[in-house]
Amino acid sequence: MATEPSTRERIITEAIRLFGEHGFRRTTVGEIEQAAGLVPRSGGLYKHFRSKEEVLEAAIDRHVREIDAVRSVLDFRPLGDVRAELTLIARWGLAELAAEQPVMRIVMKDGDEFPELVQIVKERIVERGTEMAVAVMERLLGEAGLAVSNAAAIATISLGSLVNYRIQESMFGTPPGGLGEDEFIEAWVQVWTTFARNASAVDETAAAAATTGVIAND
């Protein structure tokens, strides 16, 4: 049975939603309290946070913890099947990108006023997510026996397609090409399994050619 979120968590969730919809400056403490189920302008928010800025910091901290939790799950992955692992990665990635959209809307609305916020989000969320994608891609390629020197570029491309899906869905209300999430994930997985299979075939051909050359020289 799911437990009800605490008052503190409700404040964070509703504050981020309101910041994204109306902007950080234009959202009042009273509006946050009302949305979180508290009496407006009663001081309920200040029992948990000293300011709106602290609420925003707590939201970023919460999302960073969620990213770390995802990474631990992906590292554990007792699947032993590349296609299944890629499907899991895509689903987790899209879920996390959806969860961070309210924070990204705040950056887009108020980034000019809060350059420090842009930097924090870049370092703690965007770069952290990219590092995780690179680590996962390097591991998968290594397990497939592929010595790919540009794993970071490949990871950036794969992550970028997931990001683009969520951004278009968030901005326009519909996903790119009208693709449902399951259909998109299936195609995404197919692209990367095909890439791995073809890259493996190229490596095997190169290895065979090198072996043949050595024998011929002997």
Protein backbone atom coordinates (compact mmCIF):
# COMPACT_ATOMS: atom_id res chain seq x y z
CA MET A 1 0.00 0.00 0.00
CA ALA A 2 1.49 3.35 -1.06
CA THR A 3 2.12 5.87 1.70
CA GLU A 4 1.01 9.46 1.43
CA PRO A 5 3.84 11.92 0.70
CA SER A 6 4.95 14.00 3.64
CA THR A 7 4.06 17.68 3.89
CA ARG A 8 7.65 18.53 2.99
CA GLU A 9 7.50 16.41 -0.16
CA ARG A 10 4.14 17.89 -1.16
CA ILE A 11 5.58 21.37 -0.80
CA ILE A 12 8.54 20.50 -3.03
CA THR A 13 6.37 18.83 -5.68
CA GLU A 14 3.80 21.62 -5.86
CA ALA A 15 6.39 24.40 -5.69
CA ILE A 16 8.31 22.98 -8.65
CA ARG A 17 5.11 22.64 -10.65
CA LEU A 18 4.11 26.24 -9.90
CA PHE A 19 7.61 27.59 -10.56
CA GLY A 20 7.56 25.87 -13.94
CA GLU A 21 4.10 27.18 -14.83
CA HIS A 22 4.31 30.75 -13.54
CA GLY A 23 7.98 31.45 -12.93
CA PHE A 24 9.95 31.49 -9.70
CA ARG A 25 9.45 35.18 -8.90
CA ARG A 26 5.74 35.22 -9.73
CA THR A 27 4.90 32.20 -7.56
CA THR A 28 3.98 33.21 -4.01
CA VAL A 29 4.50 31.25 -0.82
CA GLY A 30 0.74 31.34 -0.28
CA GLU A 31 0.12 29.68 -3.64
CA ILE A 32 2.58 26.94 -2.79
CA GLU A 33 0.97 26.36 0.59
CA GLN A 34 -2.52 26.15 -0.93
CA ALA A 35 -1.40 23.73 -3.66
CA ALA A 36 0.30 21.55 -1.02
CA GLY A 37 -2.92 21.33 1.02
CA LEU A 38 -1.90 23.87 3.66
CA VAL A 39 -3.71 27.01 4.77
CA PRO A 40 -2.50 29.83 2.46
CA ARG A 41 -0.27 32.45 4.08
CA SER A 42 -0.31 30.52 7.37
CA GLY A 43 3.47 30.10 7.49
CA GLY A 44 3.22 26.36 6.93
CA LEU A 45 5.97 26.37 4.31
CA TYR A 46 8.40 28.03 6.72
CA LYS A 47 8.09 25.12 9.14
CA HIS A 48 10.02 23.09 6.56
CA PHE A 49 11.99 25.64 4.50
CA ARG A 50 13.49 29.04 5.14
CA SER A 51 12.68 30.39 1.66
CA LYS A 52 11.48 29.57 -1.84
CA GLU A 53 15.13 29.26 -2.86
CA GLU A 54 15.60 26.50 -0.30
CA VAL A 55 12.56 24.67 -1.70
CA LEU A 56 14.12 24.82 -5.16
CA GLU A 57 17.44 23.50 -3.83
CA ALA A 58 15.60 20.64 -2.13
CA ALA A 59 13.88 19.78 -5.42
CA ILE A 60 17.22 19.57 -7.21
CA ASP A 61 18.66 17.44 -4.38
CA ARG A 62 15.68 15.10 -4.64
CA HIS A 63 16.12 14.67 -8.36
CA VAL A 64 19.85 14.00 -7.97
CA ARG A 65 19.00 11.23 -5.49
CA GLU A 66 16.57 9.79 -8.01
CA ILE A 67 19.29 9.77 -10.69
CA ASP A 68 21.66 8.00 -8.30
CA ALA A 69 18.96 5.43 -7.50
CA VAL A 70 18.48 4.76 -11.21
CA ARG A 71 22.21 4.32 -11.68
CA SER A 72 22.40 1.76 -8.88
CA VAL A 73 19.56 -0.21 -10.50
CA LEU A 74 21.22 -0.13 -13.91
CA ASP A 75 24.55 -1.18 -12.42
CA PHE A 76 22.89 -4.10 -10.66
CA ARG A 77 20.90 -5.25 -13.77
CA PRO A 78 20.76 -9.06 -13.41
CA LEU A 79 19.32 -9.41 -16.93
CA GLY A 80 22.18 -10.78 -19.02
CA ASP A 81 20.39 -9.76 -22.21
CA VAL A 82 21.46 -6.67 -24.15
CA ARG A 83 18.05 -6.05 -25.68
CA ALA A 84 16.32 -6.33 -22.30
CA GLU A 85 18.93 -4.05 -20.71
CA LEU A 86 18.55 -1.42 -23.43
CA THR A 87 14.78 -1.53 -22.99
CA LEU A 88 15.19 -1.00 -19.25
CA ILE A 89 17.62 1.87 -19.84
CA ALA A 90 15.25 3.58 -22.27
CA ARG A 91 12.28 3.26 -19.92
CA TRP A 92 14.21 4.55 -16.92
CA GLY A 93 15.72 7.34 -19.01
CA LEU A 94 12.38 8.56 -20.31
CA ALA A 95 10.87 8.35 -16.82
CA GLU A 96 13.66 10.45 -15.32
CA LEU A 97 13.52 12.96 -18.17
CA ALA A 98 9.79 13.34 -17.55
CA ALA A 99 10.44 13.85 -13.84
CA GLU A 100 12.96 16.61 -14.49
CA GLN A 101 10.82 18.57 -16.96
CA PRO A 102 9.42 20.89 -14.23
CA VAL A 103 12.98 21.81 -13.22
CA MET A 104 13.93 22.39 -16.86
CA ARG A 105 10.92 24.67 -17.33
CA ILE A 106 12.16 26.76 -14.40
CA VAL A 107 15.58 27.02 -16.05
CA MET A 108 13.98 28.15 -19.32
CA LYS A 109 11.69 30.68 -17.61
CA ASP A 110 14.07 32.10 -15.01
CA GLY A 111 17.54 31.12 -16.22
CA ASP A 112 18.42 34.70 -17.20
CA GLU A 113 17.66 35.90 -13.67
CA PHE A 114 19.35 32.97 -11.95
CA PRO A 115 22.53 32.01 -13.82
CA GLU A 116 23.68 30.14 -10.73
CA LEU A 117 20.57 27.94 -11.01
CA VAL A 118 21.44 27.13 -14.62
CA GLN A 119 24.94 26.10 -13.56
CA ILE A 120 23.67 23.94 -10.69
CA VAL A 121 21.19 22.13 -12.93
CA LYS A 122 23.85 21.66 -15.60
CA GLU A 123 26.40 20.22 -13.18
CA ARG A 124 24.15 18.19 -10.89
CA ILE A 125 21.50 16.91 -13.30
CA VAL A 126 22.51 17.26 -16.97
CA GLU A 127 26.21 16.38 -16.66
CA ARG A 128 25.45 13.68 -14.09
CA GLY A 129 22.96 12.07 -16.47
CA THR A 130 25.43 12.27 -19.34
CA GLU A 131 28.17 10.65 -17.24
CA MET A 132 25.79 7.84 -16.36
CA ALA A 133 24.89 7.31 -20.03
CA VAL A 134 28.56 7.17 -21.02
CA ALA A 135 29.37 4.67 -18.25
CA VAL A 136 26.45 2.42 -19.25
CA MET A 137 27.35 2.57 -22.95
CA GLU A 138 31.02 1.80 -22.26
CA ARG A 139 30.00 -1.19 -20.14
CA LEU A 140 27.57 -2.57 -22.72
CA LEU A 141 30.07 -2.15 -25.55
CA GLY A 142 32.78 -3.76 -23.46
CA GLU A 143 30.56 -6.72 -22.58
CA ALA A 144 29.84 -7.12 -26.29
CA GLY A 145 33.59 -7.27 -26.93
CA LEU A 146 33.61 -4.03 -28.90
CA ALA A 147 36.63 -1.76 -28.54
CA VAL A 148 34.87 1.49 -29.41
CA SER A 149 36.99 4.56 -28.77
CA ASN A 150 34.16 7.06 -29.13
CA ALA A 151 31.76 5.61 -26.53
CA ALA A 152 31.12 9.11 -25.17
CA ALA A 153 29.93 10.34 -28.57
CA ILE A 154 27.75 7.26 -29.03
CA ALA A 155 26.25 7.73 -25.57
CA THR A 156 25.56 11.40 -26.31
CA ILE A 157 23.69 10.47 -29.49
CA SER A 158 21.64 7.77 -27.77
CA LEU A 159 20.79 10.02 -24.81
CA GLY A 160 20.04 12.96 -27.12
CA SER A 161 17.29 11.04 -28.88
CA LEU A 162 15.60 10.31 -25.54
CA VAL A 163 15.92 13.95 -24.49
CA ASN A 164 14.47 15.15 -27.80
CA TYR A 165 11.46 12.84 -27.37
CA ARG A 166 10.65 14.29 -23.95
CA ILE A 167 11.32 17.93 -24.94
CA GLN A 168 9.00 17.80 -27.95
CA GLU A 169 6.34 16.06 -25.91
CA SER A 170 6.64 18.69 -23.17
CA MET A 171 6.70 21.69 -25.53
CA PHE A 172 3.99 20.68 -27.99
CA GLY A 173 1.86 18.24 -26.03
CA THR A 174 2.51 15.35 -28.42
CA PRO A 175 5.62 13.20 -28.94
CA PRO A 176 7.67 13.53 -32.15
CA GLY A 177 6.07 11.79 -35.08
CA GLY A 178 3.10 10.93 -32.91
CA LEU A 179 5.04 7.90 -31.67
CA GLY A 180 3.81 6.31 -28.47
CA GLU A 181 6.42 5.63 -25.82
CA ASP A 182 6.42 1.86 -26.35
CA GLU A 183 6.82 2.26 -30.12
CA PHE A 184 9.64 4.76 -29.68
CA ILE A 185 11.48 2.54 -27.18
CA GLU A 186 11.18 -0.48 -29.45
CA ALA A 187 12.71 1.47 -32.36
CA TRP A 188 15.42 2.95 -30.10
CA VAL A 189 16.42 -0.49 -28.87
CA GLN A 190 16.43 -1.84 -32.43
CA VAL A 191 18.79 0.92 -33.57
CA TRP A 192 21.35 0.18 -30.85
CA THR A 193 21.17 -3.60 -31.06
CA THR A 194 21.68 -3.32 -34.82
CA PHE A 195 24.61 -0.98 -34.23
CA ALA A 196 26.20 -3.42 -31.78
CA ARG A 197 25.67 -6.36 -34.14
CA ASN A 198 27.16 -4.51 -37.12
CA ALA A 199 30.08 -3.16 -35.10
CA SER A 200 30.81 -6.68 -33.87
CA ALA A 201 30.76 -8.01 -37.44
CA VAL A 202 33.22 -5.30 -38.53
CA ASP A 203 35.55 -6.16 -35.65
CA GLU A 204 35.43 -9.86 -36.52
CA THR A 205 36.15 -9.13 -40.18
CA ALA A 206 39.09 -6.92 -39.28
CA ALA A 207 40.45 -9.56 -36.90
CA ALA A 208 40.13 -12.27 -39.55
CA ALA A 209 41.88 -10.10 -42.12
CA ALA A 210 44.72 -9.41 -39.71
CA THR A 211 45.08 -13.11 -38.95
CA THR A 212 45.12 -13.95 -42.65
CA GLY A 213 47.79 -11.33 -43.23
CA VAL A 214 49.98 -12.79 -40.49
CA ILE A 215 49.66 -16.32 -41.92
CA ALA A 216 50.43 -15.08 -45.40
CA ASN A 217 53.55 -13.32 -44.19
CA ASP A 218 54.72 -16.48 -42.48
